[in-house]
Amino acid sequence: GTPKSRSISGTFVDFGITKSQRTRVTAAQVNAGFVLLPALPGVKWRIIDAVMIAVGGAAATATSVDLLGTKAAAAQRPLVVAVAALTQSAVVRMGAANAVVIADGASYTAFDANTAISVVKQSGGSNLATATHIDVILTYVADEG
């Protein structure tokens, strides 16, 4: 069918179109949790691929830097990147060594409608340090829902 485009809560959404965005997120923003794709009514985000790159130094002290979303009303982490993989300038792609995805392809299915996709440090534990930023390159689709 023909892709649909419309403005939802002030954000222009192209349904069914693969898009990519690069976001440079500070270590402090990762530690607090930073929204990459906003919660929008009628929009289910579906991740196709993700890359993380440590900038300004190797990631340290935190256990991992994760993507966080919601499926079946529960928090899900479609990508968990161990800080050991986040050496300065290394490109770490979903499914690579130390870049764990959810079993059985669930990282690549749609998240709940009206929920955000964020980048965060691991649940609990130490804050991310040393790296000044994490570049997150997200390839995704908006599904109607």
C-alpha atoms as a PDB file:
ATOM      1  CA  GLY A   1       0.000   0.000   0.000  1.00  0.00           C
ATOM      2  CA  THR A   2       0.855   3.659  -0.128  1.00  0.00           C
ATOM      3  CA  PRO A   3       2.816   4.924   2.891  1.00  0.00           C
ATOM      4  CA  LYS A   4       0.885   7.264   5.156  1.00  0.00           C
ATOM      5  CA  SER A   5       2.333  10.453   6.599  1.00  0.00           C
ATOM      6  CA  ARG A   6       0.782  12.663   9.257  1.00  0.00           C
ATOM      7  CA  SER A   7       1.526  14.959  12.155  1.00  0.00           C
ATOM      8  CA  ILE A   8       0.950  13.363  15.557  1.00  0.00           C
ATOM      9  CA  SER A   9       1.360  15.511  18.675  1.00  0.00           C
ATOM     10  CA  GLY A  10       3.555  17.911  16.681  1.00  0.00           C
ATOM     11  CA  THR A  11       5.827  15.178  15.289  1.00  0.00           C
ATOM     12  CA  PHE A  12       5.701  14.299  11.593  1.00  0.00           C
ATOM     13  CA  VAL A  13       5.448  10.498  11.192  1.00  0.00           C
ATOM     14  CA  ASP A  14       5.908   8.535   7.955  1.00  0.00           C
ATOM     15  CA  PHE A  15       4.283   5.138   8.492  1.00  0.00           C
ATOM     16  CA  GLY A  16       5.932   2.190   6.745  1.00  0.00           C
ATOM     17  CA  ILE A  17       9.045   4.133   5.694  1.00  0.00           C
ATOM     18  CA  THR A  18      12.467   2.984   6.918  1.00  0.00           C
ATOM     19  CA  LYS A  19      14.268   5.905   8.538  1.00  0.00           C
ATOM     20  CA  SER A  20      17.614   6.394  10.204  1.00  0.00           C
ATOM     21  CA  GLN A  21      18.684   8.926  12.804  1.00  0.00           C
ATOM     22  CA  ARG A  22      22.001   9.612  14.484  1.00  0.00           C
ATOM     23  CA  THR A  23      21.840  11.112  17.958  1.00  0.00           C
ATOM     24  CA  ARG A  24      24.901  12.188  19.947  1.00  0.00           C
ATOM     25  CA  VAL A  25      23.948  11.595  23.589  1.00  0.00           C
ATOM     26  CA  THR A  26      26.072  12.839  26.498  1.00  0.00           C
ATOM     27  CA  ALA A  27      27.125  10.432  29.252  1.00  0.00           C
ATOM     28  CA  ALA A  28      24.904  12.372  31.681  1.00  0.00           C
ATOM     29  CA  GLN A  29      21.923  11.958  29.308  1.00  0.00           C
ATOM     30  CA  VAL A  30      22.585   8.204  29.027  1.00  0.00           C
ATOM     31  CA  ASN A  31      22.724   7.956  32.829  1.00  0.00           C
ATOM     32  CA  ALA A  32      19.399   9.804  33.161  1.00  0.00           C
ATOM     33  CA  GLY A  33      17.794   8.012  30.190  1.00  0.00           C
ATOM     34  CA  PHE A  34      17.405   9.875  26.887  1.00  0.00           C
ATOM     35  CA  VAL A  35      14.404   9.553  24.552  1.00  0.00           C
ATOM     36  CA  LEU A  36      15.415   8.756  20.958  1.00  0.00           C
ATOM     37  CA  LEU A  37      11.898   8.150  19.585  1.00  0.00           C
ATOM     38  CA  PRO A  38       8.991   9.775  21.470  1.00  0.00           C
ATOM     39  CA  ALA A  39       5.828   8.138  22.758  1.00  0.00           C
ATOM     40  CA  LEU A  40       3.125   8.995  20.208  1.00  0.00           C
ATOM     41  CA  PRO A  41      -0.513   7.826  20.145  1.00  0.00           C
ATOM     42  CA  GLY A  42      -1.141   5.313  17.358  1.00  0.00           C
ATOM     43  CA  VAL A  43       2.576   4.781  16.676  1.00  0.00           C
ATOM     44  CA  LYS A  44       4.421   1.505  17.304  1.00  0.00           C
ATOM     45  CA  TRP A  45       8.186   1.849  16.794  1.00  0.00           C
ATOM     46  CA  ARG A  46       9.945  -1.118  15.213  1.00  0.00           C
ATOM     47  CA  ILE A  47      13.746  -1.267  15.273  1.00  0.00           C
ATOM     48  CA  ILE A  48      15.522  -2.571  12.181  1.00  0.00           C
ATOM     49  CA  ASP A  49      19.103  -1.954  13.308  1.00  0.00           C
ATOM     50  CA  ALA A  50      21.098   0.036  15.835  1.00  0.00           C
ATOM     51  CA  VAL A  51      24.722   1.061  16.217  1.00  0.00           C
ATOM     52  CA  MET A  52      26.497   2.633  19.187  1.00  0.00           C
ATOM     53  CA  ILE A  53      29.859   4.421  19.101  1.00  0.00           C
ATOM     54  CA  ALA A  54      31.723   5.742  22.169  1.00  0.00           C
ATOM     55  CA  VAL A  55      33.064   9.269  21.598  1.00  0.00           C
ATOM     56  CA  GLY A  56      35.709  11.129  23.615  1.00  0.00           C
ATOM     57  CA  GLY A  57      37.037   8.009  25.372  1.00  0.00           C
ATOM     58  CA  ALA A  58      36.096   4.409  26.080  1.00  0.00           C
ATOM     59  CA  ALA A  59      32.886   3.772  27.996  1.00  0.00           C
ATOM     60  CA  ALA A  60      33.617   2.828  31.608  1.00  0.00           C
ATOM     61  CA  THR A  61      32.125   2.060  35.047  1.00  0.00           C
ATOM     62  CA  ALA A  62      28.583   1.231  33.846  1.00  0.00           C
ATOM     63  CA  THR A  63      27.906  -2.406  32.964  1.00  0.00           C
ATOM     64  CA  SER A  64      26.169  -1.615  29.675  1.00  0.00           C
ATOM     65  CA  VAL A  65      24.503   1.019  27.522  1.00  0.00           C
ATOM     66  CA  ASP A  66      21.064  -0.182  26.423  1.00  0.00           C
ATOM     67  CA  LEU A  67      18.120   0.657  24.238  1.00  0.00           C
ATOM     68  CA  LEU A  68      14.897   0.583  26.264  1.00  0.00           C
ATOM     69  CA  GLY A  69      11.315   0.206  25.066  1.00  0.00           C
ATOM     70  CA  THR A  70       7.996  -1.312  26.141  1.00  0.00           C
ATOM     71  CA  LYS A  71       6.367  -4.529  24.886  1.00  0.00           C
ATOM     72  CA  ALA A  72       3.229  -6.058  26.390  1.00  0.00           C
ATOM     73  CA  ALA A  73       3.326  -3.249  29.004  1.00  0.00           C
ATOM     74  CA  ALA A  74       6.750  -4.422  30.276  1.00  0.00           C
ATOM     75  CA  ALA A  75      10.171  -2.793  29.934  1.00  0.00           C
ATOM     76  CA  GLN A  76      12.279  -4.507  27.268  1.00  0.00           C
ATOM     77  CA  ARG A  77      15.900  -3.933  26.272  1.00  0.00           C
ATOM     78  CA  PRO A  78      16.203  -4.723  22.551  1.00  0.00           C
ATOM     79  CA  LEU A  79      19.929  -3.968  22.663  1.00  0.00           C
ATOM     80  CA  VAL A  80      22.355  -4.327  25.575  1.00  0.00           C
ATOM     81  CA  VAL A  81      25.893  -3.199  24.721  1.00  0.00           C
ATOM     82  CA  ALA A  82      28.549  -4.164  27.277  1.00  0.00           C
ATOM     83  CA  VAL A  83      30.910  -1.266  28.002  1.00  0.00           C
ATOM     84  CA  ALA A  84      33.796  -3.590  27.046  1.00  0.00           C
ATOM     85  CA  ALA A  85      32.599  -3.242  23.427  1.00  0.00           C
ATOM     86  CA  LEU A  86      32.331   0.547  23.630  1.00  0.00           C
ATOM     87  CA  THR A  87      35.978   1.429  23.147  1.00  0.00           C
ATOM     88  CA  GLN A  88      36.477   4.890  21.670  1.00  0.00           C
ATOM     89  CA  SER A  89      35.369   5.094  18.011  1.00  0.00           C
ATOM     90  CA  ALA A  90      34.477   1.368  17.711  1.00  0.00           C
ATOM     91  CA  VAL A  91      31.260   0.719  15.764  1.00  0.00           C
ATOM     92  CA  VAL A  92      29.092  -1.714  17.750  1.00  0.00           C
ATOM     93  CA  ARG A  93      26.102  -3.087  15.811  1.00  0.00           C
ATOM     94  CA  MET A  94      23.123  -5.092  17.102  1.00  0.00           C
ATOM     95  CA  GLY A  95      23.998  -8.789  17.368  1.00  0.00           C
ATOM     96  CA  ALA A  96      27.787  -8.281  17.340  1.00  0.00           C
ATOM     97  CA  ALA A  97      30.012  -9.530  20.167  1.00  0.00           C
ATOM     98  CA  ASN A  98      28.943  -7.850  23.433  1.00  0.00           C
ATOM     99  CA  ALA A  99      25.823  -6.373  21.741  1.00  0.00           C
ATOM    100  CA  VAL A 100      23.042  -8.665  22.930  1.00  0.00           C
ATOM    101  CA  VAL A 101      19.539  -8.697  21.439  1.00  0.00           C
ATOM    102  CA  ILE A 102      16.323 -10.282  22.763  1.00  0.00           C
ATOM    103  CA  ALA A 103      15.893 -13.996  21.975  1.00  0.00           C
ATOM    104  CA  ASP A 104      13.998 -15.237  18.934  1.00  0.00           C
ATOM    105  CA  GLY A 105      14.130 -11.953  17.018  1.00  0.00           C
ATOM    106  CA  ALA A 106      11.964 -10.065  19.528  1.00  0.00           C
ATOM    107  CA  SER A 107      14.265  -7.003  19.331  1.00  0.00           C
ATOM    108  CA  TYR A 108      12.961  -6.501  15.794  1.00  0.00           C
ATOM    109  CA  THR A 109       9.200  -6.676  16.427  1.00  0.00           C
ATOM    110  CA  ALA A 110       7.028  -3.625  17.108  1.00  0.00           C
ATOM    111  CA  PHE A 111       6.983  -2.030  20.546  1.00  0.00           C
ATOM    112  CA  ASP A 112       3.744  -0.999  22.259  1.00  0.00           C
ATOM    113  CA  ALA A 113       1.907   1.985  20.774  1.00  0.00           C
ATOM    114  CA  ASN A 114       2.407   5.320  22.525  1.00  0.00           C
ATOM    115  CA  THR A 115       5.708   4.259  24.154  1.00  0.00           C
ATOM    116  CA  ALA A 116       9.177   5.758  23.663  1.00  0.00           C
ATOM    117  CA  ILE A 117      12.490   4.205  22.664  1.00  0.00           C
ATOM    118  CA  SER A 118      15.316   5.481  24.866  1.00  0.00           C
ATOM    119  CA  VAL A 119      19.034   4.977  25.439  1.00  0.00           C
ATOM    120  CA  VAL A 120      19.921   4.276  29.083  1.00  0.00           C
ATOM    121  CA  LYS A 121      22.643   2.780  31.244  1.00  0.00           C
ATOM    122  CA  GLN A 122      22.030  -0.690  32.688  1.00  0.00           C
ATOM    123  CA  SER A 123      19.266  -1.021  35.253  1.00  0.00           C
ATOM    124  CA  GLY A 124      20.804  -0.120  38.612  1.00  0.00           C
ATOM    125  CA  GLY A 125      24.572  -0.086  39.088  1.00  0.00           C
ATOM    126  CA  SER A 126      27.171   2.509  38.229  1.00  0.00           C
ATOM    127  CA  ASN A 127      26.820   5.472  35.885  1.00  0.00           C
ATOM    128  CA  LEU A 128      28.506   5.622  32.502  1.00  0.00           C
ATOM    129  CA  ALA A 129      31.807   7.515  32.658  1.00  0.00           C
ATOM    130  CA  THR A 130      34.960   8.358  30.645  1.00  0.00           C
ATOM    131  CA  ALA A 131      33.267   8.460  27.217  1.00  0.00           C
ATOM    132  CA  THR A 132      31.900  11.977  26.798  1.00  0.00           C
ATOM    133  CA  HIS A 133      29.153  10.855  24.410  1.00  0.00           C
ATOM    134  CA  ILE A 134      27.550   7.807  22.845  1.00  0.00           C
ATOM    135  CA  ASP A 135      26.481   8.141  19.228  1.00  0.00           C
ATOM    136  CA  VAL A 136      23.325   6.095  18.664  1.00  0.00           C
ATOM    137  CA  ILE A 137      22.451   5.386  15.041  1.00  0.00           C
ATOM    138  CA  LEU A 138      18.953   3.948  14.939  1.00  0.00           C
ATOM    139  CA  THR A 139      17.260   2.492  11.846  1.00  0.00           C
ATOM    140  CA  TYR A 140      13.526   2.111  12.453  1.00  0.00           C
ATOM    141  CA  VAL A 141       9.997   2.069  11.062  1.00  0.00           C
ATOM    142  CA  ALA A 142       6.795   3.582  12.466  1.00  0.00           C
ATOM    143  CA  ASP A 143       3.937   1.061  12.354  1.00  0.00           C
ATOM    144  CA  GLU A 144       0.321   2.095  12.901  1.00  0.00           C
ATOM    145  CA  GLY A 145      -1.121   0.790  16.121  1.00  0.00           C
END
